[in-house]
Amino acid sequence: MKFDYFYILGFIGQICFSMRFIVQWIASEKSKTSVVPFSFWIYSIMGSSMLLIYAIYRKDPVFIVGQLPNLLIYSRNIYLIKKRR
């Protein structure tokens, strides 16, 4: 059986995507209010990019359509944060 490196990419993308909720939860707990830290958006764009690549490799149109708009939203949020600073 041939080893498929895209599985590793898919799993790493999923881990990055999950990490965004962990960093958001920790930041909110520390401040005792809902906070969305910059790292949330970084993990979002990393995870979504890797998952999109994996979806394209798998030729899964549902997965592709589900991830593609996210990149625009996450990129826009990062832009707005950087612009404000």
PDB file of N, CA and C in Angstrom:
ATOM      1  N   MET A   1       0.836  -1.190   0.000  1.00  0.00           N
ATOM      2  CA  MET A   1       0.000   0.000   0.000  1.00  0.00           C
ATOM      3  C   MET A   1       0.881   1.254   0.000  1.00  0.00           C
ATOM      4  N   LYS A   2       0.571   2.194  -0.859  1.00  0.00           N
ATOM      5  CA  LYS A   2       1.343   3.435  -0.988  1.00  0.00           C
ATOM      6  C   LYS A   2       0.956   4.412   0.120  1.00  0.00           C
ATOM      7  N   PHE A   3       1.967   5.023   0.746  1.00  0.00           N
ATOM      8  CA  PHE A   3       1.718   6.026   1.790  1.00  0.00           C
ATOM      9  C   PHE A   3       1.291   7.330   1.139  1.00  0.00           C
ATOM     10  N   ASP A   4       0.258   7.933   1.641  1.00  0.00           N
ATOM     11  CA  ASP A   4      -0.302   9.150   1.065  1.00  0.00           C
ATOM     12  C   ASP A   4      -0.035  10.340   1.994  1.00  0.00           C
ATOM     13  N   TYR A   5       0.863  11.224   1.568  1.00  0.00           N
ATOM     14  CA  TYR A   5       1.231  12.391   2.367  1.00  0.00           C
ATOM     15  C   TYR A   5       0.078  13.382   2.517  1.00  0.00           C
ATOM     16  N   PHE A   6      -0.902  13.302   1.649  1.00  0.00           N
ATOM     17  CA  PHE A   6      -2.044  14.199   1.758  1.00  0.00           C
ATOM     18  C   PHE A   6      -2.884  13.909   2.994  1.00  0.00           C
ATOM     19  N   TYR A   7      -2.839  12.668   3.486  1.00  0.00           N
ATOM     20  CA  TYR A   7      -3.527  12.369   4.745  1.00  0.00           C
ATOM     21  C   TYR A   7      -2.891  13.155   5.895  1.00  0.00           C
ATOM     22  N   ILE A   8      -1.560  13.213   5.892  1.00  0.00           N
ATOM     23  CA  ILE A   8      -0.855  13.977   6.923  1.00  0.00           C
ATOM     24  C   ILE A   8      -1.246  15.456   6.818  1.00  0.00           C
ATOM     25  N   LEU A   9      -1.248  15.998   5.595  1.00  0.00           N
ATOM     26  CA  LEU A   9      -1.649  17.384   5.386  1.00  0.00           C
ATOM     27  C   LEU A   9      -3.073  17.612   5.891  1.00  0.00           C
ATOM     28  N   GLY A  10      -3.973  16.711   5.579  1.00  0.00           N
ATOM     29  CA  GLY A  10      -5.360  16.829   6.029  1.00  0.00           C
ATOM     30  C   GLY A  10      -5.479  16.822   7.542  1.00  0.00           C
ATOM     31  N   PHE A  11      -4.747  15.921   8.193  1.00  0.00           N
ATOM     32  CA  PHE A  11      -4.793  15.858   9.655  1.00  0.00           C
ATOM     33  C   PHE A  11      -4.172  17.102  10.295  1.00  0.00           C
ATOM     34  N   ILE A  12      -3.060  17.579   9.751  1.00  0.00           N
ATOM     35  CA  ILE A  12      -2.434  18.787  10.293  1.00  0.00           C
ATOM     36  C   ILE A  12      -3.371  19.989  10.106  1.00  0.00           C
ATOM     37  N   GLY A  13      -4.009  20.060   8.949  1.00  0.00           N
ATOM     38  CA  GLY A  13      -4.978  21.129   8.713  1.00  0.00           C
ATOM     39  C   GLY A  13      -6.118  21.080   9.712  1.00  0.00           C
ATOM     40  N   GLN A  14      -6.602  19.870  10.001  1.00  0.00           N
ATOM     41  CA  GLN A  14      -7.686  19.726  10.963  1.00  0.00           C
ATOM     42  C   GLN A  14      -7.237  20.110  12.372  1.00  0.00           C
ATOM     43  N   ILE A  15      -6.002  19.767  12.723  1.00  0.00           N
ATOM     44  CA  ILE A  15      -5.452  20.148  14.042  1.00  0.00           C
ATOM     45  C   ILE A  15      -5.351  21.669  14.146  1.00  0.00           C
ATOM     46  N   CYS A  16      -4.831  22.322  13.092  1.00  0.00           N
ATOM     47  CA  CYS A  16      -4.743  23.792  13.104  1.00  0.00           C
ATOM     48  C   CYS A  16      -6.127  24.414  13.231  1.00  0.00           C
ATOM     49  N   PHE A  17      -7.074  23.854  12.505  1.00  0.00           N
ATOM     50  CA  PHE A  17      -8.424  24.386  12.548  1.00  0.00           C
ATOM     51  C   PHE A  17      -9.012  24.242  13.953  1.00  0.00           C
ATOM     52  N   SER A  18      -8.718  23.138  14.616  1.00  0.00           N
ATOM     53  CA  SER A  18      -9.205  22.920  15.986  1.00  0.00           C
ATOM     54  C   SER A  18      -8.477  23.812  16.989  1.00  0.00           C
ATOM     55  N   MET A  19      -7.214  24.086  16.758  1.00  0.00           N
ATOM     56  CA  MET A  19      -6.421  24.918  17.681  1.00  0.00           C
ATOM     57  C   MET A  19      -6.997  26.315  17.827  1.00  0.00           C
ATOM     58  N   ARG A  20      -7.652  26.802  16.798  1.00  0.00           N
ATOM     59  CA  ARG A  20      -8.206  28.151  16.871  1.00  0.00           C
ATOM     60  C   ARG A  20      -9.234  28.264  17.980  1.00  0.00           C
ATOM     61  N   PHE A  21     -10.006  27.214  18.199  1.00  0.00           N
ATOM     62  CA  PHE A  21     -10.996  27.243  19.277  1.00  0.00           C
ATOM     63  C   PHE A  21     -10.332  27.141  20.644  1.00  0.00           C
ATOM     64  N   ILE A  22      -9.249  26.408  20.713  1.00  0.00           N
ATOM     65  CA  ILE A  22      -8.525  26.279  21.982  1.00  0.00           C
ATOM     66  C   ILE A  22      -7.917  27.620  22.382  1.00  0.00           C
ATOM     67  N   VAL A  23      -7.255  28.310  21.435  1.00  0.00           N
ATOM     68  CA  VAL A  23      -6.649  29.602  21.784  1.00  0.00           C
ATOM     69  C   VAL A  23      -7.726  30.644  22.093  1.00  0.00           C
ATOM     70  N   GLN A  24      -8.862  30.564  21.419  1.00  0.00           N
ATOM     71  CA  GLN A  24      -9.955  31.494  21.700  1.00  0.00           C
ATOM     72  C   GLN A  24     -10.519  31.246  23.097  1.00  0.00           C
ATOM     73  N   TRP A  25     -10.682  29.998  23.447  1.00  0.00           N
ATOM     74  CA  TRP A  25     -11.210  29.639  24.764  1.00  0.00           C
ATOM     75  C   TRP A  25     -10.262  30.088  25.870  1.00  0.00           C
ATOM     76  N   ILE A  26      -8.958  29.831  25.702  1.00  0.00           N
ATOM     77  CA  ILE A  26      -7.970  30.220  26.716  1.00  0.00           C
ATOM     78  C   ILE A  26      -7.938  31.745  26.880  1.00  0.00           C
ATOM     79  N   ALA A  27      -7.930  32.472  25.752  1.00  0.00           N
ATOM     80  CA  ALA A  27      -7.914  33.944  25.820  1.00  0.00           C
ATOM     81  C   ALA A  27      -9.165  34.474  26.509  1.00  0.00           C
ATOM     82  N   SER A  28     -10.304  33.878  26.228  1.00  0.00           N
ATOM     83  CA  SER A  28     -11.554  34.319  26.857  1.00  0.00           C
ATOM     84  C   SER A  28     -11.564  34.021  28.348  1.00  0.00           C
ATOM     85  N   GLU A  29     -11.070  32.865  28.726  1.00  0.00           N
ATOM     86  CA  GLU A  29     -11.003  32.511  30.144  1.00  0.00           C
ATOM     87  C   GLU A  29     -10.091  33.462  30.903  1.00  0.00           C
ATOM     88  N   LYS A  30      -8.973  33.813  30.307  1.00  0.00           N
ATOM     89  CA  LYS A  30      -8.025  34.720  30.970  1.00  0.00           C
ATOM     90  C   LYS A  30      -8.622  36.103  31.180  1.00  0.00           C
ATOM     91  N   SER A  31      -9.375  36.583  30.203  1.00  0.00           N
ATOM     92  CA  SER A  31      -9.920  37.938  30.311  1.00  0.00           C
ATOM     93  C   SER A  31     -11.332  37.973  30.896  1.00  0.00           C
ATOM     94  N   LYS A  32     -11.911  36.806  31.124  1.00  0.00           N
ATOM     95  CA  LYS A  32     -13.273  36.697  31.688  1.00  0.00           C
ATOM     96  C   LYS A  32     -14.329  37.346  30.789  1.00  0.00           C
ATOM     97  N   THR A  33     -14.024  37.416  29.486  1.00  0.00           N
ATOM     98  CA  THR A  33     -14.971  37.911  28.492  1.00  0.00           C
ATOM     99  C   THR A  33     -14.630  37.233  27.164  1.00  0.00           C
ATOM    100  N   SER A  34     -15.547  37.260  26.233  1.00  0.00           N
ATOM    101  CA  SER A  34     -15.286  36.631  24.936  1.00  0.00           C
ATOM    102  C   SER A  34     -14.249  37.436  24.156  1.00  0.00           C
ATOM    103  N   VAL A  35     -13.175  36.766  23.774  1.00  0.00           N
ATOM    104  CA  VAL A  35     -12.067  37.403  23.066  1.00  0.00           C
ATOM    105  C   VAL A  35     -11.718  36.552  21.851  1.00  0.00           C
ATOM    106  N   VAL A  36     -11.420  37.208  20.748  1.00  0.00           N
ATOM    107  CA  VAL A  36     -10.939  36.494  19.563  1.00  0.00           C
ATOM    108  C   VAL A  36      -9.519  36.997  19.297  1.00  0.00           C
ATOM    109  N   PRO A  37      -8.510  36.238  19.741  1.00  0.00           N
ATOM    110  CA  PRO A  37      -7.125  36.687  19.567  1.00  0.00           C
ATOM    111  C   PRO A  37      -6.677  36.572  18.108  1.00  0.00           C
ATOM    112  N   PHE A  38      -5.631  37.296  17.769  1.00  0.00           N
ATOM    113  CA  PHE A  38      -5.079  37.275  16.408  1.00  0.00           C
ATOM    114  C   PHE A  38      -4.704  35.855  15.997  1.00  0.00           C
ATOM    115  N   SER A  39      -4.186  35.073  16.940  1.00  0.00           N
ATOM    116  CA  SER A  39      -3.787  33.694  16.621  1.00  0.00           C
ATOM    117  C   SER A  39      -4.977  32.845  16.161  1.00  0.00           C
ATOM    118  N   PHE A  40      -6.191  33.198  16.570  1.00  0.00           N
ATOM    119  CA  PHE A  40      -7.390  32.504  16.101  1.00  0.00           C
ATOM    120  C   PHE A  40      -7.466  32.585  14.580  1.00  0.00           C
ATOM    121  N   TRP A  41      -7.218  33.781  14.040  1.00  0.00           N
ATOM    122  CA  TRP A  41      -7.300  33.973  12.596  1.00  0.00           C
ATOM    123  C   TRP A  41      -6.138  33.307  11.876  1.00  0.00           C
ATOM    124  N   ILE A  42      -4.967  33.299  12.499  1.00  0.00           N
ATOM    125  CA  ILE A  42      -3.809  32.623  11.895  1.00  0.00           C
ATOM    126  C   ILE A  42      -4.076  31.125  11.797  1.00  0.00           C
ATOM    127  N   TYR A  43      -4.522  30.509  12.908  1.00  0.00           N
ATOM    128  CA  TYR A  43      -4.862  29.082  12.869  1.00  0.00           C
ATOM    129  C   TYR A  43      -5.996  28.815  11.888  1.00  0.00           C
ATOM    130  N   SER A  44      -6.934  29.727  11.797  1.00  0.00           N
ATOM    131  CA  SER A  44      -8.057  29.565  10.869  1.00  0.00           C
ATOM    132  C   SER A  44      -7.573  29.499   9.430  1.00  0.00           C
ATOM    133  N   ILE A  45      -6.715  30.440   9.053  1.00  0.00           N
ATOM    134  CA  ILE A  45      -6.251  30.474   7.667  1.00  0.00           C
ATOM    135  C   ILE A  45      -5.307  29.309   7.370  1.00  0.00           C
ATOM    136  N   MET A  46      -4.478  28.921   8.339  1.00  0.00           N
ATOM    137  CA  MET A  46      -3.588  27.773   8.146  1.00  0.00           C
ATOM    138  C   MET A  46      -4.407  26.492   7.961  1.00  0.00           C
ATOM    139  N   GLY A  47      -5.328  26.267   8.879  1.00  0.00           N
ATOM    140  CA  GLY A  47      -6.129  25.051   8.820  1.00  0.00           C
ATOM    141  C   GLY A  47      -6.988  24.997   7.577  1.00  0.00           C
ATOM    142  N   SER A  48      -7.628  26.093   7.256  1.00  0.00           N
ATOM    143  CA  SER A  48      -8.502  26.132   6.091  1.00  0.00           C
ATOM    144  C   SER A  48      -7.711  25.944   4.798  1.00  0.00           C
ATOM    145  N   SER A  49      -6.534  26.523   4.701  1.00  0.00           N
ATOM    146  CA  SER A  49      -5.690  26.358   3.510  1.00  0.00           C
ATOM    147  C   SER A  49      -5.303  24.901   3.311  1.00  0.00           C
ATOM    148  N   MET A  50      -4.856  24.265   4.386  1.00  0.00           N
ATOM    149  CA  MET A  50      -4.449  22.861   4.291  1.00  0.00           C
ATOM    150  C   MET A  50      -5.641  21.961   3.978  1.00  0.00           C
ATOM    151  N   LEU A  51      -6.772  22.241   4.592  1.00  0.00           N
ATOM    152  CA  LEU A  51      -7.962  21.445   4.318  1.00  0.00           C
ATOM    153  C   LEU A  51      -8.452  21.658   2.888  1.00  0.00           C
ATOM    154  N   LEU A  52      -8.321  22.871   2.366  1.00  0.00           N
ATOM    155  CA  LEU A  52      -8.697  23.122   0.979  1.00  0.00           C
ATOM    156  C   LEU A  52      -7.796  22.344   0.021  1.00  0.00           C
ATOM    157  N   ILE A  53      -6.501  22.344   0.273  1.00  0.00           N
ATOM    158  CA  ILE A  53      -5.571  21.569  -0.558  1.00  0.00           C
ATOM    159  C   ILE A  53      -5.946  20.091  -0.513  1.00  0.00           C
ATOM    160  N   TYR A  54      -6.215  19.604   0.673  1.00  0.00           N
ATOM    161  CA  TYR A  54      -6.620  18.200   0.830  1.00  0.00           C
ATOM    162  C   TYR A  54      -7.917  17.916   0.077  1.00  0.00           C
ATOM    163  N   ALA A  55      -8.894  18.825   0.159  1.00  0.00           N
ATOM    164  CA  ALA A  55     -10.179  18.650  -0.527  1.00  0.00           C
ATOM    165  C   ALA A  55      -9.996  18.642  -2.048  1.00  0.00           C
ATOM    166  N   ILE A  56      -9.114  19.506  -2.537  1.00  0.00           N
ATOM    167  CA  ILE A  56      -8.834  19.538  -3.979  1.00  0.00           C
ATOM    168  C   ILE A  56      -8.191  18.221  -4.398  1.00  0.00           C
ATOM    169  N   TYR A  57      -7.236  17.749  -3.611  1.00  0.00           N
ATOM    170  CA  TYR A  57      -6.593  16.468  -3.895  1.00  0.00           C
ATOM    171  C   TYR A  57      -7.613  15.336  -3.927  1.00  0.00           C
ATOM    172  N   ARG A  58      -8.551  15.358  -3.000  1.00  0.00           N
ATOM    173  CA  ARG A  58      -9.587  14.312  -2.926  1.00  0.00           C
ATOM    174  C   ARG A  58     -10.690  14.513  -3.967  1.00  0.00           C
ATOM    175  N   LYS A  59     -10.653  15.676  -4.658  1.00  0.00           N
ATOM    176  CA  LYS A  59     -11.670  16.030  -5.664  1.00  0.00           C
ATOM    177  C   LYS A  59     -13.075  15.983  -5.062  1.00  0.00           C
ATOM    178  N   ASP A  60     -13.183  16.616  -3.886  1.00  0.00           N
ATOM    179  CA  ASP A  60     -14.452  16.635  -3.154  1.00  0.00           C
ATOM    180  C   ASP A  60     -15.068  18.031  -3.271  1.00  0.00           C
ATOM    181  N   PRO A  61     -16.020  18.211  -4.200  1.00  0.00           N
ATOM    182  CA  PRO A  61     -16.571  19.552  -4.428  1.00  0.00           C
ATOM    183  C   PRO A  61     -17.300  20.131  -3.210  1.00  0.00           C
ATOM    184  N   VAL A  62     -17.924  19.296  -2.410  1.00  0.00           N
ATOM    185  CA  VAL A  62     -18.622  19.796  -1.217  1.00  0.00           C
ATOM    186  C   VAL A  62     -17.616  20.373  -0.234  1.00  0.00           C
ATOM    187  N   PHE A  63     -16.535  19.664  -0.003  1.00  0.00           N
ATOM    188  CA  PHE A  63     -15.475  20.087   0.902  1.00  0.00           C
ATOM    189  C   PHE A  63     -14.781  21.345   0.358  1.00  0.00           C
ATOM    190  N   ILE A  64     -14.546  21.394  -0.955  1.00  0.00           N
ATOM    191  CA  ILE A  64     -13.899  22.556  -1.583  1.00  0.00           C
ATOM    192  C   ILE A  64     -14.763  23.801  -1.404  1.00  0.00           C
ATOM    193  N   VAL A  65     -16.047  23.693  -1.730  1.00  0.00           N
ATOM    194  CA  VAL A  65     -16.958  24.835  -1.601  1.00  0.00           C
ATOM    195  C   VAL A  65     -17.096  25.255  -0.143  1.00  0.00           C
ATOM    196  N   GLY A  66     -16.978  24.298   0.778  1.00  0.00           N
ATOM    197  CA  GLY A  66     -17.065  24.613   2.198  1.00  0.00           C
ATOM    198  C   GLY A  66     -15.859  25.368   2.724  1.00  0.00           C
ATOM    199  N   GLN A  67     -14.678  25.126   2.160  1.00  0.00           N
ATOM    200  CA  GLN A  67     -13.453  25.757   2.655  1.00  0.00           C
ATOM    201  C   GLN A  67     -13.062  27.020   1.902  1.00  0.00           C
ATOM    202  N   LEU A  68     -13.363  27.101   0.631  1.00  0.00           N
ATOM    203  CA  LEU A  68     -12.902  28.223  -0.193  1.00  0.00           C
ATOM    204  C   LEU A  68     -13.340  29.593   0.319  1.00  0.00           C
ATOM    205  N   PRO A  69     -14.614  29.814   0.654  1.00  0.00           N
ATOM    206  CA  PRO A  69     -14.999  31.148   1.141  1.00  0.00           C
ATOM    207  C   PRO A  69     -14.332  31.509   2.472  1.00  0.00           C
ATOM    208  N   ASN A  70     -14.019  30.501   3.273  1.00  0.00           N
ATOM    209  CA  ASN A  70     -13.378  30.760   4.563  1.00  0.00           C
ATOM    210  C   ASN A  70     -12.058  31.501   4.403  1.00  0.00           C
ATOM    211  N   LEU A  71     -11.288  31.154   3.392  1.00  0.00           N
ATOM    212  CA  LEU A  71      -9.998  31.821   3.181  1.00  0.00           C
ATOM    213  C   LEU A  71     -10.183  33.318   2.961  1.00  0.00           C
ATOM    214  N   LEU A  72     -11.214  33.682   2.244  1.00  0.00           N
ATOM    215  CA  LEU A  72     -11.482  35.111   2.020  1.00  0.00           C
ATOM    216  C   LEU A  72     -11.868  35.804   3.326  1.00  0.00           C
ATOM    217  N   ILE A  73     -12.712  35.162   4.108  1.00  0.00           N
ATOM    218  CA  ILE A  73     -13.165  35.748   5.383  1.00  0.00           C
ATOM    219  C   ILE A  73     -11.996  35.885   6.356  1.00  0.00           C
ATOM    220  N   TYR A  74     -11.196  34.831   6.498  1.00  0.00           N
ATOM    221  CA  TYR A  74     -10.072  34.870   7.436  1.00  0.00           C
ATOM    222  C   TYR A  74      -9.030  35.889   6.992  1.00  0.00           C
ATOM    223  N   SER A  75      -8.755  35.940   5.684  1.00  0.00           N
ATOM    224  CA  SER A  75      -7.787  36.912   5.165  1.00  0.00           C
ATOM    225  C   SER A  75      -8.276  38.339   5.408  1.00  0.00           C
ATOM    226  N   ARG A  76      -9.545  38.565   5.196  1.00  0.00           N
ATOM    227  CA  ARG A  76     -10.117  39.901   5.419  1.00  0.00           C
ATOM    228  C   ARG A  76      -9.990  40.307   6.890  1.00  0.00           C
ATOM    229  N   ASN A  77     -10.254  39.392   7.807  1.00  0.00           N
ATOM    230  CA  ASN A  77     -10.125  39.699   9.230  1.00  0.00           C
ATOM    231  C   ASN A  77      -8.686  40.024   9.599  1.00  0.00           C
ATOM    232  N   ILE A  78      -7.745  39.265   9.059  1.00  0.00           N
ATOM    233  CA  ILE A  78      -6.333  39.548   9.333  1.00  0.00           C
ATOM    234  C   ILE A  78      -5.963  40.922   8.777  1.00  0.00           C
ATOM    235  N   TYR A  79      -6.419  41.227   7.568  1.00  0.00           N
ATOM    236  CA  TYR A  79      -6.172  42.544   6.979  1.00  0.00           C
ATOM    237  C   TYR A  79      -6.720  43.669   7.857  1.00  0.00           C
ATOM    238  N   LEU A  80      -7.953  43.514   8.311  1.00  0.00           N
ATOM    239  CA  LEU A  80      -8.580  44.556   9.143  1.00  0.00           C
ATOM    240  C   LEU A  80      -7.832  44.750  10.464  1.00  0.00           C
ATOM    241  N   ILE A  81      -7.379  43.663  11.051  1.00  0.00           N
ATOM    242  CA  ILE A  81      -6.623  43.751  12.308  1.00  0.00           C
ATOM    243  C   ILE A  81      -5.300  44.482  12.069  1.00  0.00           C
ATOM    244  N   LYS A  82      -4.598  44.087  11.008  1.00  0.00           N
ATOM    245  CA  LYS A  82      -3.306  44.717  10.693  1.00  0.00           C
ATOM    246  C   LYS A  82      -3.489  46.202  10.346  1.00  0.00           C
ATOM    247  N   LYS A  83      -4.545  46.514   9.625  1.00  0.00           N
ATOM    248  CA  LYS A  83      -4.832  47.900   9.251  1.00  0.00           C
ATOM    249  C   LYS A  83      -5.093  48.769  10.480  1.00  0.00           C
ATOM    250  N   ARG A  84      -5.817  48.228  11.444  1.00  0.00           N
ATOM    251  CA  ARG A  84      -6.153  48.964  12.665  1.00  0.00           C
ATOM    252  C   ARG A  84      -4.913  49.248  13.507  1.00  0.00           C
ATOM    253  N   ARG A  85      -3.962  48.351  13.493  1.00  0.00           N
ATOM    254  CA  ARG A  85      -2.736  48.523  14.279  1.00  0.00           C
ATOM    255  C   ARG A  85      -1.868  49.540  13.589  1.00  0.00           C
TER     256      ARG A  85
END
